[in-house]
Protein backbone atom coordinates (compact mmCIF):
# COMPACT_ATOMS: atom_id res chain seq x y z
CA UNK A 1 -23.23 8.43 9.72
CA UNK A 2 -26.83 7.25 9.38
CA UNK A 3 -29.80 9.49 8.57
CA UNK A 4 -33.15 9.13 10.40
CA UNK A 5 -36.69 10.32 9.76
CA UNK A 6 -39.13 10.53 12.68
CA UNK A 7 -42.81 10.62 11.69
CA UNK A 8 -45.05 11.50 14.65
CA UNK A 9 -47.71 14.16 15.17
CA UNK A 10 -46.84 14.58 18.85
CA UNK A 11 -44.12 17.22 19.16
CA UNK A 12 -43.22 16.31 22.81
CA UNK A 13 -42.71 12.69 21.74
CA UNK A 14 -40.71 13.70 18.67
CA UNK A 15 -38.49 15.99 20.71
CA UNK A 16 -37.92 13.28 23.33
CA UNK A 17 -36.81 10.78 20.66
CA UNK A 18 -34.63 13.32 18.89
CA UNK A 19 -33.01 14.39 22.17
CA UNK A 20 -32.22 10.77 22.99
CA UNK A 21 -30.73 10.19 19.55
CA UNK A 22 -28.44 13.22 19.81
CA UNK A 23 -27.50 13.05 23.51
CA UNK A 24 -27.22 9.28 24.10
CA UNK A 25 -26.71 7.83 20.60
CA UNK A 26 -24.44 10.75 19.61
CA UNK A 27 -26.11 11.31 16.26
CA UNK A 28 -25.74 14.78 14.68
CA UNK A 29 -28.94 16.81 14.85
CA UNK A 30 -28.63 17.57 11.13
CA UNK A 31 -28.98 13.84 10.40
CA UNK A 32 -32.45 13.68 11.98
CA UNK A 33 -35.54 14.95 10.15
CA UNK A 34 -39.08 15.07 11.47
CA UNK A 35 -42.56 15.04 9.93
CA UNK A 36 -45.91 15.53 11.71
CA UNK A 37 -48.15 14.26 8.88
CA UNK A 38 -48.14 11.43 6.35
CA UNK A 39 -47.91 13.84 3.44
CA UNK A 40 -44.95 15.70 4.97
CA UNK A 41 -43.14 12.41 5.54
CA UNK A 42 -43.93 11.26 1.99
CA UNK A 43 -42.32 14.40 0.55
CA UNK A 44 -39.14 13.84 2.55
CA UNK A 45 -38.97 10.17 1.53
CA UNK A 46 -39.26 11.05 -2.15
CA UNK A 47 -36.44 13.56 -1.81
CA UNK A 48 -33.92 11.95 0.56
CA UNK A 49 -32.47 8.54 1.44
CA UNK A 50 -32.91 7.48 5.05
CA UNK A 51 -31.32 4.61 6.93
CA UNK A 52 -34.08 4.44 9.54
CA UNK A 53 -37.73 5.51 9.60
CA UNK A 54 -39.46 5.76 12.98
CA UNK A 55 -43.19 5.74 12.21
CA UNK A 56 -46.01 6.37 14.68
CA UNK A 57 -48.86 3.95 13.97
CA UNK A 58 -51.50 6.69 14.29
CA UNK A 59 -50.83 9.68 12.03
CA UNK A 60 -52.87 12.44 10.37
CA UNK A 61 -52.79 12.62 6.59
CA UNK A 62 -52.57 16.44 6.42
CA UNK A 63 -52.10 19.39 8.73
CA UNK A 64 -55.86 19.96 8.87
CA UNK A 65 -56.86 16.33 9.51
CA UNK A 66 -57.09 14.28 12.69
CA UNK A 67 -54.86 11.29 13.50
CA UNK A 68 -56.26 8.17 11.82
CA UNK A 69 -55.43 4.54 12.59
CA UNK A 70 -55.87 3.73 8.88
CA UNK A 71 -53.28 6.15 7.49
CA UNK A 72 -50.04 4.63 8.80
CA UNK A 73 -50.87 1.06 7.62
CA UNK A 74 -51.76 2.40 4.16
CA UNK A 75 -48.53 4.39 4.09
CA UNK A 76 -46.54 1.28 5.02
CA UNK A 77 -47.86 -0.48 1.92
CA UNK A 78 -47.18 2.59 -0.19
CA UNK A 79 -43.56 2.74 0.97
CA UNK A 80 -43.04 -0.83 -0.16
CA UNK A 81 -44.72 -0.51 -3.59
CA UNK A 82 -44.15 3.09 -4.71
CA UNK A 83 -41.46 3.79 -7.31
CA UNK A 84 -41.12 7.38 -6.09
CA UNK A 85 -40.41 6.76 -2.44
CA UNK A 86 -36.86 5.93 -1.36
CA UNK A 87 -37.34 2.88 0.86
CA UNK A 88 -35.41 3.29 4.15
CA UNK A 89 -32.93 0.59 5.10
CA UNK A 90 -35.05 -0.21 8.15
CA UNK A 91 -38.42 0.85 9.54
CA UNK A 92 -39.61 0.76 13.14
CA UNK A 93 -43.29 1.29 13.87
CA UNK A 94 -44.09 2.52 17.37
CA UNK A 95 -47.11 3.14 19.57
CA UNK A 96 -48.07 3.20 23.22
CA UNK A 97 -51.17 1.07 22.51
CA UNK A 98 -50.82 -2.71 22.69
CA UNK A 99 -53.81 -3.38 20.43
CA UNK A 100 -52.32 -1.29 17.62
CA UNK A 101 -48.97 -3.08 17.94
CA UNK A 102 -50.71 -6.43 17.73
CA UNK A 103 -52.80 -5.37 14.70
CA UNK A 104 -49.70 -4.17 12.82
CA UNK A 105 -47.52 -7.14 13.77
CA UNK A 106 -47.99 -9.25 10.62
CA UNK A 107 -47.57 -6.27 8.28
CA UNK A 108 -44.20 -5.41 9.82
CA UNK A 109 -42.94 -8.96 10.28
CA UNK A 110 -43.66 -9.81 6.64
CA UNK A 111 -41.16 -7.14 5.62
CA UNK A 112 -38.67 -7.92 8.43
CA UNK A 113 -39.40 -4.56 10.04
CA UNK A 114 -39.82 -4.03 13.77
CA UNK A 115 -42.43 -2.73 16.19
CA UNK A 116 -41.62 -0.90 19.39
CA UNK A 117 -43.83 -0.04 22.32
CA UNK A 118 -43.20 3.57 23.15
CA UNK A 119 -43.91 4.96 26.59
CA UNK A 120 -42.29 8.23 27.65
CA UNK A 121 -42.49 7.18 31.28
CA UNK A 122 -40.30 4.10 30.68
CA UNK A 123 -36.80 3.51 29.32
CA UNK A 124 -36.97 0.05 27.72
CA UNK A 125 -37.61 1.57 24.24
CA UNK A 126 -34.32 3.42 24.49
CA UNK A 127 -32.21 0.29 24.78
CA UNK A 128 -33.92 -1.39 21.84
CA UNK A 129 -33.66 1.73 19.71
CA UNK A 130 -29.99 2.22 20.55
CA UNK A 131 -29.18 -1.39 19.64
CA UNK A 132 -30.82 -0.96 16.24
CA UNK A 133 -28.98 2.30 15.61
CA UNK A 134 -25.61 0.78 16.49
CA UNK A 135 -26.31 -2.12 14.15
CA UNK A 136 -27.20 0.25 11.31
CA UNK A 137 -24.09 2.35 11.90
CA UNK A 138 -21.76 -0.67 11.86
CA UNK A 139 -23.47 -2.14 8.80
CA UNK A 140 -23.20 1.12 6.89
CA UNK A 141 -19.54 1.54 7.85
CA UNK A 142 -18.80 -2.00 6.66
CA UNK A 143 -20.44 -1.50 3.28
CA UNK A 144 -18.89 1.95 2.86
CA UNK A 145 -15.47 0.48 3.51
CA UNK A 146 -16.11 -2.40 1.10
CA UNK A 147 -17.28 -0.05 -1.66
CA UNK A 148 -14.37 2.26 -0.94
CA UNK A 149 -11.89 -0.56 -1.43
CA UNK A 150 -13.62 -1.69 -4.60
CA UNK A 151 -13.39 1.73 -6.21
CA UNK A 152 -10.04 2.86 -4.81
CA UNK A 153 -7.25 2.98 -7.37
CA UNK A 154 -3.70 4.29 -7.33
CA UNK A 155 -3.46 5.81 -10.80
CA UNK A 156 -5.75 6.61 -13.71
CA UNK A 157 -5.32 6.91 -17.47
CA UNK A 158 -7.65 8.62 -19.94
CA UNK A 159 -7.62 9.00 -23.72
CA UNK A 160 -9.73 11.25 -25.90
CA UNK A 161 -10.73 8.76 -28.60
CA UNK A 162 -11.33 5.05 -28.84
CA UNK A 163 -8.39 4.44 -31.19
CA UNK A 164 -5.99 6.04 -28.72
CA UNK A 165 -7.59 4.14 -25.87
CA UNK A 166 -7.28 0.72 -27.54
CA UNK A 167 -3.62 1.33 -28.33
CA UNK A 168 -3.01 2.52 -24.78
CA UNK A 169 -4.35 -0.77 -23.44
CA UNK A 170 -2.18 -2.70 -25.92
CA UNK A 171 0.92 -0.80 -24.79
CA UNK A 172 0.45 -2.12 -21.26
CA UNK A 173 2.12 -5.45 -21.96
CA UNK A 174 0.49 -8.60 -20.59
CA UNK A 175 -2.02 -6.58 -18.59
CA UNK A 176 -5.58 -7.88 -18.27
CA UNK A 177 -8.00 -4.95 -18.46
CA UNK A 178 -11.40 -5.72 -16.90
CA UNK A 179 -14.42 -3.60 -17.81
CA UNK A 180 -16.76 -2.37 -15.09
CA UNK A 181 -19.49 0.20 -14.60
CA UNK A 182 -20.20 2.58 -11.75
CA UNK A 183 -23.90 2.97 -11.04
CA UNK A 184 -25.26 6.32 -12.14
CA UNK A 185 -22.48 7.04 -14.65
CA UNK A 186 -22.52 6.33 -18.41
CA UNK A 187 -18.83 5.55 -18.93
CA UNK A 188 -17.13 2.19 -19.26
CA UNK A 189 -14.18 1.93 -16.91
CA UNK A 190 -11.37 -0.62 -17.07
CA UNK A 191 -9.32 -1.87 -14.14
CA UNK A 192 -5.93 -3.57 -14.09
CA UNK A 193 -3.04 -4.32 -11.77
CA UNK A 194 0.63 -3.71 -12.53
CA UNK A 195 3.58 -5.27 -10.73
CA UNK A 196 6.46 -2.81 -10.47
CA UNK A 197 10.17 -3.60 -10.43
CA UNK A 198 10.16 -2.46 -6.79
CA UNK A 199 7.75 -5.22 -5.82
CA UNK A 200 4.65 -3.05 -5.50
CA UNK A 201 1.27 -3.78 -7.04
CA UNK A 202 -0.52 -0.77 -8.48
CA UNK A 203 -4.26 -0.61 -9.12
CA UNK A 204 -4.94 1.22 -12.38
CA UNK A 205 -8.24 2.49 -13.77
CA UNK A 206 -8.71 3.78 -17.31
CA UNK A 207 -11.47 5.43 -19.31
CA UNK A 208 -12.07 6.69 -22.83
CA UNK A 209 -13.59 10.18 -22.99
CA UNK A 210 -14.99 9.39 -26.47
CA UNK A 211 -14.78 13.03 -27.46
CA UNK A 212 -12.07 15.50 -28.40
CA UNK A 213 -11.72 18.80 -26.57
CA UNK A 214 -10.66 20.18 -23.22
CA UNK A 215 -14.21 20.51 -21.86
CA UNK A 216 -15.05 16.81 -22.14
CA UNK A 217 -11.62 15.91 -20.75
CA UNK A 218 -12.13 18.19 -17.75
CA UNK A 219 -15.50 16.57 -16.97
CA UNK A 220 -14.15 13.01 -17.12
CA UNK A 221 -10.99 13.94 -15.21
CA UNK A 222 -13.02 15.43 -12.36
CA UNK A 223 -15.22 12.33 -12.33
CA UNK A 224 -12.21 10.01 -12.16
CA UNK A 225 -10.73 11.90 -9.19
CA UNK A 226 -14.10 11.96 -7.43
CA UNK A 227 -14.88 8.26 -7.89
CA UNK A 228 -11.49 6.63 -7.47
CA UNK A 229 -9.33 8.78 -5.12
CA UNK A 230 -6.46 8.76 -7.62
CA UNK A 231 -2.94 9.86 -6.73
CA UNK A 232 -2.30 10.93 -10.32
CA UNK A 233 -4.19 10.96 -13.62
CA UNK A 234 -2.35 10.49 -16.93
CA UNK A 235 -3.54 11.26 -20.43
CA UNK A 236 -1.96 9.60 -23.46
CA UNK A 237 -2.54 9.98 -27.18
CA UNK A 238 -1.41 12.01 -30.17
CA UNK A 239 -0.55 15.64 -30.77
CA UNK A 240 0.92 17.93 -33.40
CA UNK A 241 4.51 19.07 -33.05
CA UNK A 242 6.20 22.37 -33.82
CA UNK A 243 8.56 21.66 -36.70
CA UNK A 244 12.13 22.42 -35.74
CA UNK A 245 11.44 21.79 -32.05
CA UNK A 246 10.52 18.11 -32.28
CA UNK A 247 10.56 15.28 -34.81
CA UNK A 248 7.84 12.92 -35.94
CA UNK A 249 7.32 10.23 -33.30
CA UNK A 250 8.88 12.18 -30.43
CA UNK A 251 7.09 12.00 -27.10
CA UNK A 252 6.11 15.29 -25.48
CA UNK A 253 5.59 15.57 -21.73
CA UNK A 254 3.68 18.80 -21.14
CA UNK A 255 5.47 20.76 -18.43
CA UNK A 256 2.90 23.52 -18.89
CA UNK A 257 -0.12 24.10 -21.12
CA UNK A 258 -1.92 27.24 -22.26
CA UNK A 259 -5.28 27.67 -23.98
CA UNK A 260 -4.62 29.41 -27.29
CA UNK A 261 -8.35 30.06 -27.80
CA UNK A 262 -8.65 32.20 -24.70
CA UNK A 263 -8.29 35.96 -25.03
CA UNK A 264 -9.93 39.12 -26.35
CA UNK A 265 -11.33 39.54 -29.86
CA UNK A 266 -10.14 42.91 -31.21
CA UNK A 267 -9.88 44.73 -34.54
CA UNK A 268 -6.71 45.83 -36.34
CA UNK A 269 -6.19 49.11 -38.22
CA UNK A 270 -8.06 47.72 -41.23
CA UNK A 271 -11.02 46.71 -39.09
CA UNK A 272 -10.28 43.03 -39.41
CA UNK A 273 -10.86 40.94 -36.28
CA UNK A 274 -8.01 39.21 -34.49
CA UNK A 275 -7.65 37.39 -31.20
CA UNK A 276 -5.36 38.91 -28.62
CA UNK A 277 -4.47 35.78 -26.65
CA UNK A 278 -4.59 35.63 -22.88
CA UNK A 279 -1.53 33.63 -21.90
CA UNK A 280 -2.34 31.91 -18.60
CA UNK A 281 -0.45 28.60 -18.59
CA UNK A 282 -1.00 25.78 -16.13
CA UNK A 283 2.10 23.97 -14.88
CA UNK A 284 2.55 20.31 -14.11
CA UNK A 285 2.88 19.70 -10.36
CA UNK A 286 6.47 20.43 -9.29
CA UNK A 287 7.14 17.17 -7.42
CA UNK A 288 5.79 15.09 -10.31
CA UNK A 289 7.97 16.96 -12.78
CA UNK A 290 11.02 16.30 -10.61
CA UNK A 291 10.17 12.59 -10.51
CA UNK A 292 10.01 12.52 -14.32
CA UNK A 293 13.40 14.22 -14.66
CA UNK A 294 14.90 11.67 -12.27
CA UNK A 295 13.27 8.80 -14.17
CA UNK A 296 14.69 9.99 -17.49
CA UNK A 297 18.14 10.33 -15.96
CA UNK A 298 18.18 6.88 -14.38
CA UNK A 299 16.38 4.79 -17.00
CA UNK A 300 17.11 4.16 -20.69
CA UNK A 301 13.43 4.67 -21.34
CA UNK A 302 13.63 5.86 -24.96
CA UNK A 303 15.36 2.62 -25.97
CA UNK A 304 12.77 0.54 -24.11
CA UNK A 305 9.97 2.33 -25.96
CA UNK A 306 11.81 1.90 -29.27
CA UNK A 307 12.09 -1.84 -28.71
CA UNK A 308 8.38 -2.02 -27.94
CA UNK A 309 7.52 -0.07 -31.06
CA UNK A 310 9.64 -2.30 -33.28
CA UNK A 311 7.58 -5.30 -32.24
CA UNK A 312 4.34 -3.67 -33.39
CA UNK A 313 5.26 -0.95 -35.91
CA UNK A 314 8.42 -2.26 -37.55
CA UNK A 315 7.57 -0.65 -40.91
CA UNK A 316 7.01 2.77 -39.30
CA UNK A 317 9.75 3.17 -36.73
CA UNK A 318 13.20 4.10 -38.03
CA UNK A 319 14.76 5.84 -35.04
CA UNK A 320 14.63 6.03 -31.29
CA UNK A 321 11.97 8.58 -30.25
CA UNK A 322 13.16 11.51 -28.19
CA UNK A 323 11.36 12.32 -24.95
CA UNK A 324 10.88 16.06 -24.70
CA UNK A 325 9.70 17.94 -21.62
CA UNK A 326 8.27 21.15 -23.04
CA UNK A 327 5.32 23.57 -23.12
CA UNK A 328 2.28 22.76 -25.25
CA UNK A 329 -0.67 24.75 -26.59
CA UNK A 330 -4.25 23.54 -26.30
CA UNK A 331 -7.32 24.62 -28.26
CA UNK A 332 -10.78 23.56 -29.32
CA UNK A 333 -10.02 22.91 -32.98
CA UNK A 334 -7.63 20.85 -35.10
CA UNK A 335 -4.76 22.94 -36.47
CA UNK A 336 -3.61 22.26 -40.04
CA UNK A 337 -2.02 25.60 -40.85
CA UNK A 338 1.72 26.17 -40.49
CA UNK A 339 1.42 29.95 -40.21
CA UNK A 340 -1.07 29.65 -37.36
CA UNK A 341 1.07 27.03 -35.61
CA UNK A 342 4.15 29.27 -35.85
CA UNK A 343 2.12 32.16 -34.45
CA UNK A 344 1.45 30.23 -31.26
CA UNK A 345 5.15 30.55 -30.39
CA UNK A 346 4.70 34.28 -29.77
CA UNK A 347 3.40 33.56 -26.26
CA UNK A 348 5.70 30.60 -25.63
CA UNK A 349 8.99 30.53 -27.53
CA UNK A 350 9.82 26.99 -26.31
CA UNK A 351 6.48 25.63 -27.53
CA UNK A 352 6.82 22.04 -28.77
CA UNK A 353 3.31 20.67 -29.24
CA UNK A 354 -0.29 21.51 -30.08
CA UNK A 355 -3.31 19.43 -29.04
CA UNK A 356 -6.92 19.69 -27.86
CA UNK A 357 -7.35 18.20 -24.36
CA UNK A 358 -4.44 18.89 -22.03
CA UNK A 359 -5.58 22.24 -20.66
CA UNK A 360 -8.80 20.63 -19.41
CA UNK A 361 -6.77 17.91 -17.67
CA UNK A 362 -4.38 20.36 -16.00
CA UNK A 363 -7.21 22.71 -15.01
CA UNK A 364 -8.92 19.84 -13.22
CA UNK A 365 -5.68 18.94 -11.45
CA UNK A 366 -5.21 22.56 -10.41
CA UNK A 367 -8.74 22.81 -8.96
CA UNK A 368 -8.65 19.38 -7.30
CA UNK A 369 -5.06 19.89 -6.08
CA UNK A 370 -4.13 16.58 -7.69
CA UNK A 371 -1.27 15.44 -9.90
CA UNK A 372 -1.98 15.24 -13.64
CA UNK A 373 0.33 14.51 -16.55
CA UNK A 374 -0.26 14.73 -20.28
CA UNK A 375 2.00 12.54 -22.42
CA UNK A 376 1.44 12.65 -26.17
CA UNK A 377 3.44 11.71 -29.23
CA UNK A 378 3.98 13.84 -32.34
CA UNK A 379 2.07 12.46 -35.35
CA UNK A 380 2.14 15.58 -37.58
CA UNK A 381 3.33 19.19 -37.67
CA UNK A 382 -0.02 21.05 -37.68
CA UNK A 383 0.54 22.07 -41.30
CA UNK A 384 -1.17 21.67 -44.66
CA UNK A 385 0.28 18.15 -45.15
CA UNK A 386 -1.26 16.91 -41.91
CA UNK A 387 -2.13 13.20 -42.14
CA UNK A 388 -2.86 10.17 -40.00
CA UNK A 389 -0.07 7.78 -41.07
CA UNK A 390 1.68 7.95 -37.71
CA UNK A 391 -1.30 8.20 -35.37
CA UNK A 392 -1.41 4.55 -34.27
CA UNK A 393 2.31 4.33 -33.59
CA UNK A 394 2.28 7.61 -31.66
CA UNK A 395 -0.73 6.68 -29.53
CA UNK A 396 1.07 3.44 -28.64
CA UNK A 397 4.41 5.11 -27.84
CA UNK A 398 2.93 7.77 -25.54
CA UNK A 399 1.17 5.04 -23.55
CA UNK A 400 4.40 3.01 -23.46
CA UNK A 401 6.07 5.88 -21.63
CA UNK A 402 3.37 5.88 -18.95
CA UNK A 403 3.60 2.08 -18.69
CA UNK A 404 7.36 2.13 -18.07
CA UNK A 405 7.07 5.15 -15.76
CA UNK A 406 4.60 3.33 -13.52
CA UNK A 407 6.64 0.11 -13.64
CA UNK A 408 9.90 1.74 -12.61
CA UNK A 409 9.01 4.62 -10.29
CA UNK A 410 6.34 3.33 -7.90
């Protein structure tokens, strides 16, 4: 719906216009602001965006000044040149005096704005005003729909770091990723389309968070849902595994995630501090989890991923990766201590993975009531021998799972 500012020092006239706009043009009263001086109108125009400004050609500058035929023309020029004022989509100048309308004609016509003779005793101004309002409403609806289509995607994918992101894009075979920006936001987004085996075409948007940690992931996840109306947001990348639960290269789908850094700092009998963890896991959405189970039952997905990996990482891959649906732990620091990693199993005996972003993703999904899924591949065991030899292969394999999932399910 459009937003209108009426600038007129005559309250009876202002009320008559506002009443017509609400009763006959069916505009919400909250969408109509009024100002009785130039300065009051200027403040509103620097603060808000308006679709239409209705400006009386004789206005006082301040509350304590008289109406002046010079003020409105000067303000018209200021609107057009000031960097602080939000220029309305359209401006209509009005007056009951023919000589003022004639004097202002060239100034308004030069900017493709309109003039309207206003006489409370007549109704011809109403028809002209209503026509303009209907035009503005239809135009705004058209552009809103066009922008909505442009930024409407089916599914989204995020990665924490650029290396993971580049490998994710590579794992989407023969997909042309196109970079774009959204005004007012610093991130680079990438769009693509995927043809599924069911004949559908999915619009995908992806983004690199460019920072490790659940906080940054939560911020970007919320932004992705807000901008693109996603059905589901995936996160791919690498994680540590719990030795004995998973093997190097296995793919973990996080059925639930807890924040191992959340809890109460206490002291033991010797006065040494320790963290008593607060175990409040977040679960993957039930319907999505059921879809994944069905997908793994029906499709030989691990072999498909293995074949993909052999084409790129022949020297690394020596077995088919297992796909494990299991709990994971999330925290704000990299774990390279086997004793600490084993201790995380106290709160979750089936724990399979440790990473740094998933809790932020699932928290966003919980708040937004949206589907989220973290898929990461095991590149080390969170111990003292932690290295990066398998990071590239694992970032690629986790993204391969999401690629095949989208191709075969939707």
